[in-house]
Amino acid sequence: MQTDSVNDRHQIGVALAGLAGLALAIGIGRFSYTAILPMMQADQGLSLVDGSWLALVNLVGYLIGGLTAARFRHQPVLCARLAIGLIVVGMASMAFTDQQWWWTVLRLITGAASAWVMVMLSILCLPELNTRPALAGWVFSGVGTGVALGGLVCLVLVASNLSSETAWVILALLCAALGAVVWHRFPNTAPNPNAPIPHPLNTNPTDTINGHNAQAGNGVDQPRLWRLVFCYGLYGFGYILPATYLPAQARVLLQESWLYSLAWPVFGVAAAVSTLLAAALAHRFGRLPTWVGAHVLMAIGVVLPVFFPNLVAIVLAAMAVGGTFVVITLLAMQEAQRHGGQQAPIWMARLTTAFATGQLFGPLFVMGLGEQLSLSLLLAAGVLLVTAGVLFKQWRQDKK
């Protein structure tokens, strides 16, 4: 009984450290730019095209991080620590220059570091929490928690008429505090990520391949996993437009009102809460059906502001997109960990690379279409619906 209690405390500690790490790396390190973008437009004169360029280079950095993450899978703690340091320094440095080229370098570096943290914490946390899927949901709720924290900070700063430079410094300090939690929980003596991965006691229909449980190192259905990688990559394009431009859309609608800053905290709260429900939904319906539903709901959220350009639609879009994008990440990583066997870390890195590649096309489309954001959003919604169909077909195939 005492052993169980110690193990429970250990697993909760791992989940909270994972939450803190993803909050700083993804929720703040990557997505705080979305909340700061309208502030930089106001006090730095940044155009939407220039802002899209900075978003694009951050996504290129994320792609580089995804492509290189598998090389560091044997030293996940060291890689995560280095990446956290780069994120903190990179964000703070944004406040001390107004040079576009320097901002470009900084956002490129933080993008790569964010991907490293995502993959390394997935490697460190998911095997430890394999028998506790609800705690795995805690880990990925860190993304939404970080988004909400960053959004609330920017909301207060905008209401107080403070600058984007102040926002970068405060958020860098917040990242440093969250990073201390990760450093404390994961010492350099962390378990070997290549050790055999235990499987949960309870399975559901999506935990099987052609009716047989997938065992570590055996029965890995690579075509199935590649289809999921393909869908996850296209999802990256589908979600990145609202995830980058939602506050900017709200600012255009509300002009100088500080209320536009509400969109991003709503997005973050929805993302944080959704992952706590994801385990229950996946247990009830299966991971792939839950993934399909998330794509459909996100598609609806993506197009809402196009057809109903008002604050209510912006808030509903924030809830729909925020409430699904981290759930999809959680489900995808769980699928890789479950069905990837001993190559699960490599499949996690492939998912991250595909996701990063899909994201690149969002800002490119906005710049290429002359800032016609509505047309890009319609295309993104169509892509999400197509991938929902592919995932649904895969689920039906799994049940045969």
Foldseek 3Di string as FASTA:
>chain_A
DVVVVVLVVLLLLLLLLLLLLLLLQAQQLQQLLLLLVVLCCVPVVQDPLLSLLLNLLLLVLLLVLLVCLVVCLQQLLVLLLVLLVLSLVLLLVVLVDSDSVSSSVSSSSSSSSSNSSVLSSLLQNCLSCQQPLLSLLSSLLSNLVSLLVSLVLSLVCLVVVHHSSVSSNVSSVSSVVSSVSNPVSDDSVGDGSLPFRDHYPDDDLQCDAQPHHAGAPPDQDVVLLVLLLLLLLLLLQLQLLCSRCLLVLLCVQVPSDSCSSVLRSLLSVLLSVLSSCLVVVCRVPNLLVLLLVLLLLLLCLLQQCVVVVDPVSSSSSSNSSSNRPSSNLSSSLVSLVSRVRSCSSVSNSSSSSSSSNSNSVNSVVCVVVVNPSNVSSNVSSVSSNVSSVSSVVSSVNSVD
